[in-house]
Every structure is written in structure tokens, then in C-alpha cells.
Amino acid sequence: MLLQLIEEKREVLLCLGKTYGLTAKETVICSQELDQLLNRLDEWNDDRNDNQ
């Protein structure tokens, strides 16, 4: 589920960047949301590795 959300957010980010530019407010917000998702994935992976 999380990986799917990350992939969808990446696609949206690419479209926003192409449409509005990389420094547009919409693009930056989407990028920050993607960062949060990636951080969640990283935390999940860390927790998983700690339990092994």
C-alpha cells in the first residue's frame, strides 16, 4: 500500500513539475508529501531490520 502511494505521488510530482515548474508552490508541496511518504517507508524498513 505504501509503495503504491509513493509511486502515485511520484507521478503527480512529475506532472506538476512539468506543468508548473519545479519551484511552484503546488510542486513543492507535493514534493514534501512525497518526502514524508519516503520517510515512513524508511522508518518501516528500519523497524523491520531491528526486529530481525
PDB file of N, CA and C in Angstrom:
ATOM      1  N   MET A   1       0.827  -1.197   0.000  1.00  0.00           N
ATOM      2  CA  MET A   1       0.000   0.000   0.000  1.00  0.00           C
ATOM      3  C   MET A   1       0.871   1.261   0.000  1.00  0.00           C
ATOM      4  N   LEU A   2       1.849   1.298   0.886  1.00  0.00           N
ATOM      5  CA  LEU A   2       2.719   2.473   0.970  1.00  0.00           C
ATOM      6  C   LEU A   2       3.519   2.659  -0.313  1.00  0.00           C
ATOM      7  N   LEU A   3       4.000   1.565  -0.872  1.00  0.00           N
ATOM      8  CA  LEU A   3       4.758   1.664  -2.122  1.00  0.00           C
ATOM      9  C   LEU A   3       3.889   2.198  -3.253  1.00  0.00           C
ATOM     10  N   GLN A   4       2.631   1.807  -3.266  1.00  0.00           N
ATOM     11  CA  GLN A   4       1.707   2.304  -4.286  1.00  0.00           C
ATOM     12  C   GLN A   4       1.477   3.804  -4.110  1.00  0.00           C
ATOM     13  N   LEU A   5       1.311   4.248  -2.879  1.00  0.00           N
ATOM     14  CA  LEU A   5       1.137   5.676  -2.611  1.00  0.00           C
ATOM     15  C   LEU A   5       2.360   6.471  -3.057  1.00  0.00           C
ATOM     16  N   ILE A   6       3.538   5.923  -2.804  1.00  0.00           N
ATOM     17  CA  ILE A   6       4.777   6.590  -3.204  1.00  0.00           C
ATOM     18  C   ILE A   6       4.844   6.711  -4.720  1.00  0.00           C
ATOM     19  N   GLU A   7       4.523   5.638  -5.418  1.00  0.00           N
ATOM     20  CA  GLU A   7       4.573   5.664  -6.882  1.00  0.00           C
ATOM     21  C   GLU A   7       3.561   6.657  -7.453  1.00  0.00           C
ATOM     22  N   GLU A   8       2.362   6.678  -6.890  1.00  0.00           N
ATOM     23  CA  GLU A   8       1.342   7.622  -7.356  1.00  0.00           C
ATOM     24  C   GLU A   8       1.783   9.067  -7.104  1.00  0.00           C
ATOM     25  N   LYS A   9       2.356   9.315  -5.938  1.00  0.00           N
ATOM     26  CA  LYS A   9       2.808  10.672  -5.604  1.00  0.00           C
ATOM     27  C   LYS A   9       3.945  11.097  -6.516  1.00  0.00           C
ATOM     28  N   ARG A  10       4.828  10.169  -6.874  1.00  0.00           N
ATOM     29  CA  ARG A  10       5.916  10.474  -7.811  1.00  0.00           C
ATOM     30  C   ARG A  10       5.364  10.898  -9.167  1.00  0.00           C
ATOM     31  N   GLU A  11       4.349  10.177  -9.628  1.00  0.00           N
ATOM     32  CA  GLU A  11       3.744  10.508 -10.916  1.00  0.00           C
ATOM     33  C   GLU A  11       3.112  11.894 -10.885  1.00  0.00           C
ATOM     34  N   VAL A  12       2.414  12.196  -9.803  1.00  0.00           N
ATOM     35  CA  VAL A  12       1.810  13.522  -9.652  1.00  0.00           C
ATOM     36  C   VAL A  12       2.893  14.589  -9.621  1.00  0.00           C
ATOM     37  N   LEU A  13       3.963  14.321  -8.893  1.00  0.00           N
ATOM     38  CA  LEU A  13       5.064  15.276  -8.786  1.00  0.00           C
ATOM     39  C   LEU A  13       5.678  15.564 -10.152  1.00  0.00           C
ATOM     40  N   LEU A  14       5.888  14.532 -10.941  1.00  0.00           N
ATOM     41  CA  LEU A  14       6.444  14.731 -12.281  1.00  0.00           C
ATOM     42  C   LEU A  14       5.530  15.600 -13.138  1.00  0.00           C
ATOM     43  N   CYS A  15       4.242  15.332 -13.077  1.00  0.00           N
ATOM     44  CA  CYS A  15       3.282  16.132 -13.851  1.00  0.00           C
ATOM     45  C   CYS A  15       3.273  17.584 -13.390  1.00  0.00           C
ATOM     46  N   LEU A  16       3.277  17.789 -12.089  1.00  0.00           N
ATOM     47  CA  LEU A  16       3.285  19.156 -11.564  1.00  0.00           C
ATOM     48  C   LEU A  16       4.555  19.887 -11.964  1.00  0.00           C
ATOM     49  N   GLY A  17       5.679  19.206 -11.864  1.00  0.00           N
ATOM     50  CA  GLY A  17       6.947  19.825 -12.235  1.00  0.00           C
ATOM     51  C   GLY A  17       6.976  20.231 -13.694  1.00  0.00           C
ATOM     52  N   LYS A  18       6.450  19.373 -14.554  1.00  0.00           N
ATOM     53  CA  LYS A  18       6.421  19.682 -15.986  1.00  0.00           C
ATOM     54  C   LYS A  18       5.437  20.800 -16.305  1.00  0.00           C
ATOM     55  N   THR A  19       4.329  20.827 -15.586  1.00  0.00           N
ATOM     56  CA  THR A  19       3.276  21.805 -15.868  1.00  0.00           C
ATOM     57  C   THR A  19       3.577  23.176 -15.272  1.00  0.00           C
ATOM     58  N   TYR A  20       3.964  23.204 -14.006  1.00  0.00           N
ATOM     59  CA  TYR A  20       4.103  24.468 -13.285  1.00  0.00           C
ATOM     60  C   TYR A  20       5.543  24.874 -13.004  1.00  0.00           C
ATOM     61  N   GLY A  21       6.475  23.942 -13.167  1.00  0.00           N
ATOM     62  CA  GLY A  21       7.864  24.223 -12.834  1.00  0.00           C
ATOM     63  C   GLY A  21       8.213  23.660 -11.469  1.00  0.00           C
ATOM     64  N   LEU A  22       9.501  23.510 -11.248  1.00  0.00           N
ATOM     65  CA  LEU A  22       9.969  22.853 -10.028  1.00  0.00           C
ATOM     66  C   LEU A  22       9.835  23.705  -8.775  1.00  0.00           C
ATOM     67  N   THR A  23       9.734  25.013  -8.933  1.00  0.00           N
ATOM     68  CA  THR A  23       9.654  25.883  -7.758  1.00  0.00           C
ATOM     69  C   THR A  23       8.233  26.362  -7.468  1.00  0.00           C
ATOM     70  N   ALA A  24       7.262  25.892  -8.228  1.00  0.00           N
ATOM     71  CA  ALA A  24       5.867  26.280  -7.987  1.00  0.00           C
ATOM     72  C   ALA A  24       5.396  25.719  -6.648  1.00  0.00           C
ATOM     73  N   LYS A  25       4.505  26.462  -6.014  1.00  0.00           N
ATOM     74  CA  LYS A  25       4.006  26.066  -4.700  1.00  0.00           C
ATOM     75  C   LYS A  25       3.423  24.654  -4.724  1.00  0.00           C
ATOM     76  N   GLU A  26       2.623  24.344  -5.736  1.00  0.00           N
ATOM     77  CA  GLU A  26       1.996  23.028  -5.836  1.00  0.00           C
ATOM     78  C   GLU A  26       3.041  21.918  -5.925  1.00  0.00           C
ATOM     79  N   THR A  27       4.089  22.172  -6.695  1.00  0.00           N
ATOM     80  CA  THR A  27       5.149  21.181  -6.873  1.00  0.00           C
ATOM     81  C   THR A  27       5.912  20.965  -5.571  1.00  0.00           C
ATOM     82  N   VAL A  28       6.223  22.049  -4.891  1.00  0.00           N
ATOM     83  CA  VAL A  28       6.971  21.954  -3.631  1.00  0.00           C
ATOM     84  C   VAL A  28       6.159  21.206  -2.578  1.00  0.00           C
ATOM     85  N   ILE A  29       4.877  21.502  -2.487  1.00  0.00           N
ATOM     86  CA  ILE A  29       4.024  20.817  -1.515  1.00  0.00           C
ATOM     87  C   ILE A  29       3.963  19.322  -1.818  1.00  0.00           C
ATOM     88  N   CYS A  30       3.793  18.986  -3.079  1.00  0.00           N
ATOM     89  CA  CYS A  30       3.755  17.577  -3.477  1.00  0.00           C
ATOM     90  C   CYS A  30       5.086  16.893  -3.165  1.00  0.00           C
ATOM     91  N   SER A  31       6.177  17.579  -3.398  1.00  0.00           N
ATOM     92  CA  SER A  31       7.498  17.034  -3.103  1.00  0.00           C
ATOM     93  C   SER A  31       7.650  16.768  -1.608  1.00  0.00           C
ATOM     94  N   GLN A  32       7.154  17.668  -0.793  1.00  0.00           N
ATOM     95  CA  GLN A  32       7.222  17.483   0.655  1.00  0.00           C
ATOM     96  C   GLN A  32       6.366  16.296   1.095  1.00  0.00           C
ATOM     97  N   GLU A  33       5.216  16.135   0.455  1.00  0.00           N
ATOM     98  CA  GLU A  33       4.364  14.990   0.766  1.00  0.00           C
ATOM     99  C   GLU A  33       5.052  13.683   0.377  1.00  0.00           C
ATOM    100  N   LEU A  34       5.720  13.683  -0.763  1.00  0.00           N
ATOM    101  CA  LEU A  34       6.480  12.505  -1.175  1.00  0.00           C
ATOM    102  C   LEU A  34       7.602  12.227  -0.179  1.00  0.00           C
ATOM    103  N   ASP A  35       8.276  13.264   0.267  1.00  0.00           N
ATOM    104  CA  ASP A  35       9.330  13.097   1.277  1.00  0.00           C
ATOM    105  C   ASP A  35       8.783  12.419   2.532  1.00  0.00           C
ATOM    106  N   GLN A  36       7.602  12.831   2.962  1.00  0.00           N
ATOM    107  CA  GLN A  36       7.002  12.236   4.155  1.00  0.00           C
ATOM    108  C   GLN A  36       6.708  10.756   3.944  1.00  0.00           C
ATOM    109  N   LEU A  37       6.200  10.418   2.766  1.00  0.00           N
ATOM    110  CA  LEU A  37       5.939   9.012   2.462  1.00  0.00           C
ATOM    111  C   LEU A  37       7.230   8.205   2.439  1.00  0.00           C
ATOM    112  N   LEU A  38       8.262   8.768   1.841  1.00  0.00           N
ATOM    113  CA  LEU A  38       9.551   8.077   1.783  1.00  0.00           C
ATOM    114  C   LEU A  38      10.150   7.916   3.177  1.00  0.00           C
ATOM    115  N   ASN A  39       9.962   8.914   4.033  1.00  0.00           N
ATOM    116  CA  ASN A  39      10.435   8.809   5.417  1.00  0.00           C
ATOM    117  C   ASN A  39       9.700   7.694   6.156  1.00  0.00           C
ATOM    118  N   ARG A  40       8.393   7.582   5.916  1.00  0.00           N
ATOM    119  CA  ARG A  40       7.623   6.495   6.532  1.00  0.00           C
ATOM    120  C   ARG A  40       8.142   5.139   6.076  1.00  0.00           C
ATOM    121  N   LEU A  41       8.443   5.018   4.792  1.00  0.00           N
ATOM    122  CA  LEU A  41       8.984   3.763   4.271  1.00  0.00           C
ATOM    123  C   LEU A  41      10.336   3.457   4.908  1.00  0.00           C
ATOM    124  N   ASP A  42      11.164   4.467   5.042  1.00  0.00           N
ATOM    125  CA  ASP A  42      12.478   4.288   5.655  1.00  0.00           C
ATOM    126  C   ASP A  42      12.342   3.847   7.113  1.00  0.00           C
ATOM    127  N   GLU A  43      11.427   4.463   7.849  1.00  0.00           N
ATOM    128  CA  GLU A  43      11.194   4.076   9.242  1.00  0.00           C
ATOM    129  C   GLU A  43      10.692   2.640   9.322  1.00  0.00           C
ATOM    130  N   TRP A  44       9.784   2.286   8.418  1.00  0.00           N
ATOM    131  CA  TRP A  44       9.259   0.925   8.392  1.00  0.00           C
ATOM    132  C   TRP A  44      10.380  -0.075   8.133  1.00  0.00           C
ATOM    133  N   ASN A  45      11.249   0.243   7.192  1.00  0.00           N
ATOM    134  CA  ASN A  45      12.380  -0.640   6.893  1.00  0.00           C
ATOM    135  C   ASN A  45      13.333  -0.746   8.078  1.00  0.00           C
ATOM    136  N   ASP A  46      13.573   0.375   8.757  1.00  0.00           N
ATOM    137  CA  ASP A  46      14.436   0.353   9.941  1.00  0.00           C
ATOM    138  C   ASP A  46      13.840  -0.536  11.029  1.00  0.00           C
ATOM    139  N   ASP A  47      12.538  -0.378  11.277  1.00  0.00           N
ATOM    140  CA  ASP A  47      11.869  -1.194  12.292  1.00  0.00           C
ATOM    141  C   ASP A  47      11.934  -2.668  11.932  1.00  0.00           C
ATOM    142  N   ARG A  48      11.750  -2.950  10.670  1.00  0.00           N
ATOM    143  CA  ARG A  48      11.784  -4.335  10.198  1.00  0.00           C
ATOM    144  C   ARG A  48      13.171  -4.943  10.394  1.00  0.00           C
ATOM    145  N   ASN A  49      14.197  -4.169  10.086  1.00  0.00           N
ATOM    146  CA  ASN A  49      15.568  -4.656  10.241  1.00  0.00           C
ATOM    147  C   ASN A  49      15.940  -4.832  11.708  1.00  0.00           C
ATOM    148  N   ASP A  50      15.408  -3.966  12.574  1.00  0.00           N
ATOM    149  CA  ASP A  50      15.697  -4.084  14.006  1.00  0.00           C
ATOM    150  C   ASP A  50      15.089  -5.351  14.596  1.00  0.00           C
ATOM    151  N   ASN A  51      13.988  -5.792  14.032  1.00  0.00           N
ATOM    152  CA  ASN A  51      13.291  -6.969  14.552  1.00  0.00           C
ATOM    153  C   ASN A  51      13.853  -8.277  14.020  1.00  0.00           C
ATOM    154  N   GLN A  52      14.794  -8.223  13.134  1.00  0.00           N
ATOM    155  CA  GLN A  52      15.355  -9.461  12.570  1.00  0.00           C
ATOM    156  C   GLN A  52      16.587  -9.894  13.316  1.00  0.00           C
TER     157      GLN A  52
END
